């Protein structure tokens, strides 16, 4: 059972969407979430006509904004993530 939980945890760490859901469930402290997402390696979005929305991708900037629309991240969270990402890029 512990191995299965560990495998699930590793899989979640590769999915920004899953990570944000864990944060929203209270499993991750806010400061840790901000630091982690600000450093998260985001992918370029695939714009495929068969996939009008990049819902098949879990590691894009759209995931951050979509999760804020769902109430899992606040507007302040998104602004702070954006600020930290800009600081890292500078």
PDB file of N, CA and C in Angstrom:
ATOM      1  N   UNK A   1       0.829  -1.200   0.000  1.00  0.00           N
ATOM      2  CA  UNK A   1       0.000   0.000   0.000  1.00  0.00           C
ATOM      3  C   UNK A   1       0.866   1.254   0.000  1.00  0.00           C
ATOM      4  N   UNK A   2       1.944   1.253   0.790  1.00  0.00           N
ATOM      5  CA  UNK A   2       2.820   2.425   0.856  1.00  0.00           C
ATOM      6  C   UNK A   2       3.484   2.682  -0.485  1.00  0.00           C
ATOM      7  N   UNK A   3       3.864   1.593  -1.202  1.00  0.00           N
ATOM      8  CA  UNK A   3       4.467   1.756  -2.527  1.00  0.00           C
ATOM      9  C   UNK A   3       3.492   2.418  -3.489  1.00  0.00           C
ATOM     10  N   UNK A   4       2.233   2.025  -3.427  1.00  0.00           N
ATOM     11  CA  UNK A   4       1.219   2.594  -4.302  1.00  0.00           C
ATOM     12  C   UNK A   4       1.030   4.080  -4.011  1.00  0.00           C
ATOM     13  N   UNK A   5       1.009   4.461  -2.725  1.00  0.00           N
ATOM     14  CA  UNK A   5       0.883   5.864  -2.358  1.00  0.00           C
ATOM     15  C   UNK A   5       2.083   6.661  -2.833  1.00  0.00           C
ATOM     16  N   UNK A   6       3.299   6.072  -2.729  1.00  0.00           N
ATOM     17  CA  UNK A   6       4.510   6.746  -3.173  1.00  0.00           C
ATOM     18  C   UNK A   6       4.477   6.956  -4.684  1.00  0.00           C
ATOM     19  N   UNK A   7       4.048   5.942  -5.443  1.00  0.00           N
ATOM     20  CA  UNK A   7       3.947   6.063  -6.896  1.00  0.00           C
ATOM     21  C   UNK A   7       2.955   7.150  -7.271  1.00  0.00           C
ATOM     22  N   UNK A   8       1.821   7.207  -6.589  1.00  0.00           N
ATOM     23  CA  UNK A   8       0.819   8.226  -6.859  1.00  0.00           C
ATOM     24  C   UNK A   8       1.391   9.609  -6.572  1.00  0.00           C
ATOM     25  N   UNK A   9       2.119   9.738  -5.467  1.00  0.00           N
ATOM     26  CA  UNK A   9       2.719  11.016  -5.103  1.00  0.00           C
ATOM     27  C   UNK A   9       3.704  11.482  -6.169  1.00  0.00           C
ATOM     28  N   UNK A  10       4.543  10.577  -6.667  1.00  0.00           N
ATOM     29  CA  UNK A  10       5.505  10.924  -7.713  1.00  0.00           C
ATOM     30  C   UNK A  10       4.768  11.349  -8.972  1.00  0.00           C
ATOM     31  N   UNK A  11       3.705  10.644  -9.339  1.00  0.00           N
ATOM     32  CA  UNK A  11       2.932  11.012 -10.525  1.00  0.00           C
ATOM     33  C   UNK A  11       2.308  12.383 -10.347  1.00  0.00           C
ATOM     34  N   UNK A  12       1.794  12.676  -9.148  1.00  0.00           N
ATOM     35  CA  UNK A  12       1.187  13.975  -8.881  1.00  0.00           C
ATOM     36  C   UNK A  12       2.203  15.100  -9.038  1.00  0.00           C
ATOM     37  N   UNK A  13       3.448  14.852  -8.627  1.00  0.00           N
ATOM     38  CA  UNK A  13       4.469  15.892  -8.688  1.00  0.00           C
ATOM     39  C   UNK A  13       4.789  16.293 -10.126  1.00  0.00           C
ATOM     40  N   UNK A  14       4.492  15.448 -11.090  1.00  0.00           N
ATOM     41  CA  UNK A  14       4.732  15.784 -12.488  1.00  0.00           C
ATOM     42  C   UNK A  14       3.531  16.459 -13.130  1.00  0.00           C
ATOM     43  N   UNK A  15       2.461  16.589 -12.408  1.00  0.00           N
ATOM     44  CA  UNK A  15       1.240  17.203 -12.921  1.00  0.00           C
ATOM     45  C   UNK A  15       0.925  18.450 -12.105  1.00  0.00           C
ATOM     46  N   UNK A  16       1.018  19.594 -12.745  1.00  0.00           N
ATOM     47  CA  UNK A  16       0.706  20.852 -12.067  1.00  0.00           C
ATOM     48  C   UNK A  16      -0.744  20.866 -11.610  1.00  0.00           C
ATOM     49  N   UNK A  17      -1.621  20.364 -12.441  1.00  0.00           N
ATOM     50  CA  UNK A  17      -3.045  20.304 -12.096  1.00  0.00           C
ATOM     51  C   UNK A  17      -3.256  19.491 -10.814  1.00  0.00           C
ATOM     52  N   UNK A  18      -2.610  18.330 -10.714  1.00  0.00           N
ATOM     53  CA  UNK A  18      -2.743  17.485  -9.518  1.00  0.00           C
ATOM     54  C   UNK A  18      -2.113  18.160  -8.300  1.00  0.00           C
ATOM     55  N   UNK A  19      -0.996  18.842  -8.498  1.00  0.00           N
ATOM     56  CA  UNK A  19      -0.330  19.539  -7.394  1.00  0.00           C
ATOM     57  C   UNK A  19      -1.246  20.628  -6.827  1.00  0.00           C
ATOM     58  N   UNK A  20      -1.882  21.387  -7.707  1.00  0.00           N
ATOM     59  CA  UNK A  20      -2.783  22.451  -7.251  1.00  0.00           C
ATOM     60  C   UNK A  20      -3.992  21.865  -6.527  1.00  0.00           C
ATOM     61  N   UNK A  21      -4.476  20.748  -6.993  1.00  0.00           N
ATOM     62  CA  UNK A  21      -5.602  20.091  -6.298  1.00  0.00           C
ATOM     63  C   UNK A  21      -5.187  19.664  -4.896  1.00  0.00           C
ATOM     64  N   UNK A  22      -3.947  19.169  -4.751  1.00  0.00           N
ATOM     65  CA  UNK A  22      -3.453  18.804  -3.420  1.00  0.00           C
ATOM     66  C   UNK A  22      -3.351  20.041  -2.538  1.00  0.00           C
ATOM     67  N   UNK A  23      -2.908  21.153  -3.103  1.00  0.00           N
ATOM     68  CA  UNK A  23      -2.840  22.412  -2.336  1.00  0.00           C
ATOM     69  C   UNK A  23      -4.242  22.822  -1.886  1.00  0.00           C
ATOM     70  N   UNK A  24      -5.190  22.786  -2.805  1.00  0.00           N
ATOM     71  CA  UNK A  24      -6.560  23.200  -2.493  1.00  0.00           C
ATOM     72  C   UNK A  24      -7.187  22.308  -1.424  1.00  0.00           C
ATOM     73  N   UNK A  25      -6.751  21.055  -1.363  1.00  0.00           N
ATOM     74  CA  UNK A  25      -7.266  20.127  -0.349  1.00  0.00           C
ATOM     75  C   UNK A  25      -6.605  20.349   1.013  1.00  0.00           C
ATOM     76  N   UNK A  26      -5.621  21.240   1.060  1.00  0.00           N
ATOM     77  CA  UNK A  26      -4.963  21.544   2.324  1.00  0.00           C
ATOM     78  C   UNK A  26      -3.739  20.697   2.620  1.00  0.00           C
ATOM     79  N   UNK A  27      -3.273  19.934   1.636  1.00  0.00           N
ATOM     80  CA  UNK A  27      -2.120  19.057   1.839  1.00  0.00           C
ATOM     81  C   UNK A  27      -0.776  19.779   1.735  1.00  0.00           C
ATOM     82  N   UNK A  28      -0.774  20.983   1.170  1.00  0.00           N
ATOM     83  CA  UNK A  28       0.463  21.711   0.926  1.00  0.00           C
ATOM     84  C   UNK A  28       0.307  23.131   1.463  1.00  0.00           C
ATOM     85  N   UNK A  29       1.269  23.625   2.240  1.00  0.00           N
ATOM     86  CA  UNK A  29       1.190  25.001   2.751  1.00  0.00           C
ATOM     87  C   UNK A  29       1.308  26.019   1.603  1.00  0.00           C
ATOM     88  N   UNK A  30       0.696  27.178   1.783  1.00  0.00           N
ATOM     89  CA  UNK A  30       0.655  28.203   0.735  1.00  0.00           C
ATOM     90  C   UNK A  30       2.053  28.624   0.274  1.00  0.00           C
ATOM     91  N   UNK A  31       2.946  28.904   1.201  1.00  0.00           N
ATOM     92  CA  UNK A  31       4.275  29.375   0.816  1.00  0.00           C
ATOM     93  C   UNK A  31       5.016  28.328  -0.011  1.00  0.00           C
ATOM     94  N   UNK A  32       4.893  27.081   0.378  1.00  0.00           N
ATOM     95  CA  UNK A  32       5.512  25.992  -0.398  1.00  0.00           C
ATOM     96  C   UNK A  32       4.907  25.927  -1.795  1.00  0.00           C
ATOM     97  N   UNK A  33       3.584  26.062  -1.882  1.00  0.00           N
ATOM     98  CA  UNK A  33       2.906  26.029  -3.176  1.00  0.00           C
ATOM     99  C   UNK A  33       3.410  27.161  -4.066  1.00  0.00           C
ATOM    100  N   UNK A  34       3.481  28.384  -3.516  1.00  0.00           N
ATOM    101  CA  UNK A  34       3.930  29.525  -4.312  1.00  0.00           C
ATOM    102  C   UNK A  34       5.339  29.308  -4.841  1.00  0.00           C
ATOM    103  N   UNK A  35       6.222  28.851  -3.980  1.00  0.00           N
ATOM    104  CA  UNK A  35       7.611  28.614  -4.371  1.00  0.00           C
ATOM    105  C   UNK A  35       7.711  27.524  -5.436  1.00  0.00           C
ATOM    106  N   UNK A  36       6.979  26.445  -5.233  1.00  0.00           N
ATOM    107  CA  UNK A  36       7.034  25.308  -6.156  1.00  0.00           C
ATOM    108  C   UNK A  36       6.469  25.677  -7.524  1.00  0.00           C
ATOM    109  N   UNK A  37       5.304  26.313  -7.555  1.00  0.00           N
ATOM    110  CA  UNK A  37       4.689  26.641  -8.847  1.00  0.00           C
ATOM    111  C   UNK A  37       5.490  27.717  -9.572  1.00  0.00           C
ATOM    112  N   UNK A  38       6.071  28.655  -8.833  1.00  0.00           N
ATOM    113  CA  UNK A  38       6.888  29.684  -9.478  1.00  0.00           C
ATOM    114  C   UNK A  38       8.090  29.062 -10.183  1.00  0.00           C
ATOM    115  N   UNK A  39       8.585  27.942  -9.664  1.00  0.00           N
ATOM    116  CA  UNK A  39       9.743  27.278 -10.258  1.00  0.00           C
ATOM    117  C   UNK A  39       9.351  26.137 -11.204  1.00  0.00           C
ATOM    118  N   UNK A  40       8.061  25.871 -11.333  1.00  0.00           N
ATOM    119  CA  UNK A  40       7.581  24.731 -12.131  1.00  0.00           C
ATOM    120  C   UNK A  40       7.966  24.924 -13.603  1.00  0.00           C
ATOM    121  N   UNK A  41       8.534  23.903 -14.238  1.00  0.00           N
ATOM    122  CA  UNK A  41       8.877  24.012 -15.661  1.00  0.00           C
ATOM    123  C   UNK A  41       7.620  23.885 -16.536  1.00  0.00           C
ATOM    124  N   UNK A  42       7.095  25.020 -16.963  1.00  0.00           N
ATOM    125  CA  UNK A  42       5.871  25.006 -17.766  1.00  0.00           C
ATOM    126  C   UNK A  42       6.171  24.604 -19.202  1.00  0.00           C
ATOM    127  N   UNK A  43       5.218  23.905 -19.799  1.00  0.00           N
ATOM    128  CA  UNK A  43       5.317  23.476 -21.197  1.00  0.00           C
ATOM    129  C   UNK A  43       4.653  24.499 -22.101  1.00  0.00           C
ATOM    130  N   UNK A  44       5.077  24.507 -23.349  1.00  0.00           N
ATOM    131  CA  UNK A  44       4.359  25.281 -24.356  1.00  0.00           C
ATOM    132  C   UNK A  44       3.015  24.595 -24.583  1.00  0.00           C
ATOM    133  N   UNK A  45       1.996  25.391 -24.863  1.00  0.00           N
ATOM    134  CA  UNK A  45       0.677  24.804 -25.087  1.00  0.00           C
ATOM    135  C   UNK A  45       0.566  24.285 -26.512  1.00  0.00           C
ATOM    136  N   UNK A  46       0.005  23.083 -26.640  1.00  0.00           N
ATOM    137  CA  UNK A  46      -0.272  22.495 -27.947  1.00  0.00           C
ATOM    138  C   UNK A  46      -1.636  22.978 -28.404  1.00  0.00           C
ATOM    139  N   UNK A  47      -1.699  23.570 -29.552  1.00  0.00           N
ATOM    140  CA  UNK A  47      -2.993  23.981 -30.101  1.00  0.00           C
ATOM    141  C   UNK A  47      -3.329  23.042 -31.242  1.00  0.00           C
ATOM    142  N   UNK A  48      -4.038  21.991 -30.893  1.00  0.00           N
ATOM    143  CA  UNK A  48      -4.435  20.960 -31.823  1.00  0.00           C
ATOM    144  C   UNK A  48      -5.926  21.135 -32.104  1.00  0.00           C
ATOM    145  N   UNK A  49      -6.313  21.104 -33.385  1.00  0.00           N
ATOM    146  CA  UNK A  49      -7.725  21.280 -33.725  1.00  0.00           C
ATOM    147  C   UNK A  49      -8.605  20.208 -33.088  1.00  0.00           C
ATOM    148  N   UNK A  50      -8.039  19.030 -32.846  1.00  0.00           N
ATOM    149  CA  UNK A  50      -8.798  17.958 -32.206  1.00  0.00           C
ATOM    150  C   UNK A  50      -8.974  18.229 -30.710  1.00  0.00           C
ATOM    151  N   UNK A  51      -8.148  19.099 -30.153  1.00  0.00           N
ATOM    152  CA  UNK A  51      -8.212  19.468 -28.729  1.00  0.00           C
ATOM    153  C   UNK A  51      -8.347  20.985 -28.648  1.00  0.00           C
ATOM    154  N   UNK A  52      -9.553  21.531 -28.780  1.00  0.00           N
ATOM    155  CA  UNK A  52      -9.708  22.993 -28.793  1.00  0.00           C
ATOM    156  C   UNK A  52      -9.201  23.672 -27.530  1.00  0.00           C
ATOM    157  N   UNK A  53      -9.195  22.973 -26.413  1.00  0.00           N
ATOM    158  CA  UNK A  53      -8.620  23.495 -25.175  1.00  0.00           C
ATOM    159  C   UNK A  53      -7.499  22.549 -24.773  1.00  0.00           C
ATOM    160  N   UNK A  54      -6.413  23.089 -24.241  1.00  0.00           N
ATOM    161  CA  UNK A  54      -5.287  22.209 -23.892  1.00  0.00           C
ATOM    162  C   UNK A  54      -5.515  21.425 -22.606  1.00  0.00           C
ATOM    163  N   UNK A  55      -6.707  20.834 -22.468  1.00  0.00           N
ATOM    164  CA  UNK A  55      -7.038  20.088 -21.249  1.00  0.00           C
ATOM    165  C   UNK A  55      -6.232  18.796 -21.151  1.00  0.00           C
ATOM    166  N   UNK A  56      -5.606  18.381 -22.242  1.00  0.00           N
ATOM    167  CA  UNK A  56      -4.795  17.167 -22.224  1.00  0.00           C
ATOM    168  C   UNK A  56      -3.387  17.448 -21.694  1.00  0.00           C
ATOM    169  N   UNK A  57      -3.085  18.715 -21.413  1.00  0.00           N
ATOM    170  CA  UNK A  57      -1.791  19.098 -20.877  1.00  0.00           C
ATOM    171  C   UNK A  57      -1.954  19.550 -19.423  1.00  0.00           C
ATOM    172  N   UNK A  58      -1.065  19.080 -18.574  1.00  0.00           N
ATOM    173  CA  UNK A  58      -1.176  19.397 -17.149  1.00  0.00           C
ATOM    174  C   UNK A  58      -0.151  20.407 -16.666  1.00  0.00           C
ATOM    175  N   UNK A  59       0.738  20.861 -17.514  1.00  0.00           N
ATOM    176  CA  UNK A  59       1.845  21.695 -17.052  1.00  0.00           C
ATOM    177  C   UNK A  59       2.007  22.960 -17.893  1.00  0.00           C
ATOM    178  N   UNK A  60       0.914  23.700 -18.047  1.00  0.00           N
ATOM    179  CA  UNK A  60       0.947  24.941 -18.823  1.00  0.00           C
ATOM    180  C   UNK A  60       0.436  26.099 -17.965  1.00  0.00           C
ATOM    181  N   UNK A  61       0.712  27.310 -18.430  1.00  0.00           N
ATOM    182  CA  UNK A  61       0.226  28.496 -17.723  1.00  0.00           C
ATOM    183  C   UNK A  61      -1.303  28.500 -17.661  1.00  0.00           C
ATOM    184  N   UNK A  62      -1.955  27.953 -18.662  1.00  0.00           N
ATOM    185  CA  UNK A  62      -3.421  27.913 -18.660  1.00  0.00           C
ATOM    186  C   UNK A  62      -3.972  27.122 -17.483  1.00  0.00           C
ATOM    187  N   UNK A  63      -3.217  26.128 -17.034  1.00  0.00           N
ATOM    188  CA  UNK A  63      -3.656  25.346 -15.871  1.00  0.00           C
ATOM    189  C   UNK A  63      -3.744  26.257 -14.650  1.00  0.00           C
ATOM    190  N   UNK A  64      -2.753  27.129 -14.475  1.00  0.00           N
ATOM    191  CA  UNK A  64      -2.749  28.045 -13.334  1.00  0.00           C
ATOM    192  C   UNK A  64      -3.987  28.935 -13.372  1.00  0.00           C
ATOM    193  N   UNK A  65      -4.253  29.528 -14.524  1.00  0.00           N
ATOM    194  CA  UNK A  65      -5.397  30.427 -14.637  1.00  0.00           C
ATOM    195  C   UNK A  65      -6.720  29.672 -14.549  1.00  0.00           C
ATOM    196  N   UNK A  66      -6.772  28.482 -15.119  1.00  0.00           N
ATOM    197  CA  UNK A  66      -7.987  27.669 -15.027  1.00  0.00           C
ATOM    198  C   UNK A  66      -8.297  27.251 -13.601  1.00  0.00           C
ATOM    199  N   UNK A  67      -7.264  26.896 -12.857  1.00  0.00           N
ATOM    200  CA  UNK A  67      -7.463  26.503 -11.464  1.00  0.00           C
ATOM    201  C   UNK A  67      -7.908  27.696 -10.617  1.00  0.00           C
ATOM    202  N   UNK A  68      -7.496  28.894 -10.998  1.00  0.00           N
ATOM    203  CA  UNK A  68      -7.985  30.072 -10.263  1.00  0.00           C
ATOM    204  C   UNK A  68      -9.468  30.296 -10.557  1.00  0.00           C
ATOM    205  N   UNK A  69      -9.881  30.038 -11.784  1.00  0.00           N
ATOM    206  CA  UNK A  69     -11.306  30.161 -12.126  1.00  0.00           C
ATOM    207  C   UNK A  69     -12.144  29.139 -11.360  1.00  0.00           C
ATOM    208  N   UNK A  70     -11.552  27.991 -11.077  1.00  0.00           N
ATOM    209  CA  UNK A  70     -12.255  26.952 -10.318  1.00  0.00           C
ATOM    210  C   UNK A  70     -12.201  27.198  -8.813  1.00  0.00           C
ATOM    211  N   UNK A  71     -11.460  28.233  -8.403  1.00  0.00           N
ATOM    212  CA  UNK A  71     -11.397  28.578  -6.987  1.00  0.00           C
ATOM    213  C   UNK A  71     -10.324  27.850  -6.201  1.00  0.00           C
ATOM    214  N   UNK A  72      -9.458  27.124  -6.885  1.00  0.00           N
ATOM    215  CA  UNK A  72      -8.396  26.397  -6.180  1.00  0.00           C
ATOM    216  C   UNK A  72      -7.197  27.290  -5.885  1.00  0.00           C
ATOM    217  N   UNK A  73      -7.045  28.351  -6.652  1.00  0.00           N
ATOM    218  CA  UNK A  73      -6.033  29.383  -6.409  1.00  0.00           C
ATOM    219  C   UNK A  73      -6.753  30.716  -6.352  1.00  0.00           C
ATOM    220  N   UNK A  74      -6.278  31.610  -5.501  1.00  0.00           N
ATOM    221  CA  UNK A  74      -6.873  32.941  -5.444  1.00  0.00           C
ATOM    222  C   UNK A  74      -6.194  33.855  -6.464  1.00  0.00           C
ATOM    223  N   UNK A  75      -6.814  34.991  -6.699  1.00  0.00           N
ATOM    224  CA  UNK A  75      -6.212  35.988  -7.581  1.00  0.00           C
ATOM    225  C   UNK A  75      -4.848  36.416  -7.032  1.00  0.00           C
ATOM    226  N   UNK A  76      -4.754  36.533  -5.713  1.00  0.00           N
ATOM    227  CA  UNK A  76      -3.484  36.904  -5.079  1.00  0.00           C
ATOM    228  C   UNK A  76      -2.433  35.827  -5.291  1.00  0.00           C
ATOM    229  N   UNK A  77      -2.841  34.556  -5.236  1.00  0.00           N
ATOM    230  CA  UNK A  77      -1.908  33.453  -5.494  1.00  0.00           C
ATOM    231  C   UNK A  77      -1.335  33.573  -6.906  1.00  0.00           C
ATOM    232  N   UNK A  78      -2.211  33.779  -7.881  1.00  0.00           N
ATOM    233  CA  UNK A  78      -1.778  33.860  -9.280  1.00  0.00           C
ATOM    234  C   UNK A  78      -0.847  35.051  -9.482  1.00  0.00           C
ATOM    235  N   UNK A  79      -1.179  36.190  -8.888  1.00  0.00           N
ATOM    236  CA  UNK A  79      -0.326  37.370  -9.012  1.00  0.00           C
ATOM    237  C   UNK A  79       1.045  37.118  -8.390  1.00  0.00           C
ATOM    238  N   UNK A  80       1.079  36.460  -7.237  1.00  0.00           N
ATOM    239  CA  UNK A  80       2.358  36.178  -6.569  1.00  0.00           C
ATOM    240  C   UNK A  80       3.182  35.160  -7.360  1.00  0.00           C
ATOM    241  N   UNK A  81       2.537  34.152  -7.913  1.00  0.00           N
ATOM    242  CA  UNK A  81       3.236  33.180  -8.762  1.00  0.00           C
ATOM    243  C   UNK A  81       3.846  33.901  -9.958  1.00  0.00           C
ATOM    244  N   UNK A  82       3.069  34.740 -10.597  1.00  0.00           N
ATOM    245  CA  UNK A  82       3.550  35.492 -11.765  1.00  0.00           C
ATOM    246  C   UNK A  82       4.730  36.384 -11.374  1.00  0.00           C
ATOM    247  N   UNK A  83       4.629  37.076 -10.247  1.00  0.00           N
ATOM    248  CA  UNK A  83       5.712  37.953  -9.796  1.00  0.00           C
ATOM    249  C   UNK A  83       6.987  37.153  -9.550  1.00  0.00           C
ATOM    250  N   UNK A  84       6.858  36.000  -8.897  1.00  0.00           N
ATOM    251  CA  UNK A  84       8.024  35.183  -8.608  1.00  0.00           C
ATOM    252  C   UNK A  84       8.642  34.605  -9.874  1.00  0.00           C
ATOM    253  N   UNK A  85       7.805  34.241 -10.826  1.00  0.00           N
ATOM    254  CA  UNK A  85       8.337  33.702 -12.094  1.00  0.00           C
ATOM    255  C   UNK A  85       9.119  34.793 -12.832  1.00  0.00           C
ATOM    256  N   UNK A  86       8.600  36.020 -12.821  1.00  0.00           N
ATOM    257  CA  UNK A  86       9.301  37.121 -13.479  1.00  0.00           C
ATOM    258  C   UNK A  86      10.632  37.389 -12.798  1.00  0.00           C
ATOM    259  N   UNK A  87      10.655  37.325 -11.471  1.00  0.00           N
ATOM    260  CA  UNK A  87      11.881  37.560 -10.716  1.00  0.00           C
ATOM    261  C   UNK A  87      12.927  36.494 -11.055  1.00  0.00           C
ATOM    262  N   UNK A  88      12.501  35.249 -11.202  1.00  0.00           N
ATOM    263  CA  UNK A  88      13.422  34.158 -11.538  1.00  0.00           C
ATOM    264  C   UNK A  88      13.975  34.304 -12.951  1.00  0.00           C
ATOM    265  N   UNK A  89      13.130  34.817 -13.859  1.00  0.00           N
ATOM    266  CA  UNK A  89      13.549  34.974 -15.253  1.00  0.00           C
ATOM    267  C   UNK A  89      14.496  36.142 -15.458  1.00  0.00           C
ATOM    268  N   UNK A  90      14.489  37.091 -14.511  1.00  0.00           N
ATOM    269  CA  UNK A  90      15.304  38.300 -14.668  1.00  0.00           C
ATOM    270  C   UNK A  90      16.767  38.046 -14.409  1.00  0.00           C
TER     271      UNK A  90
END
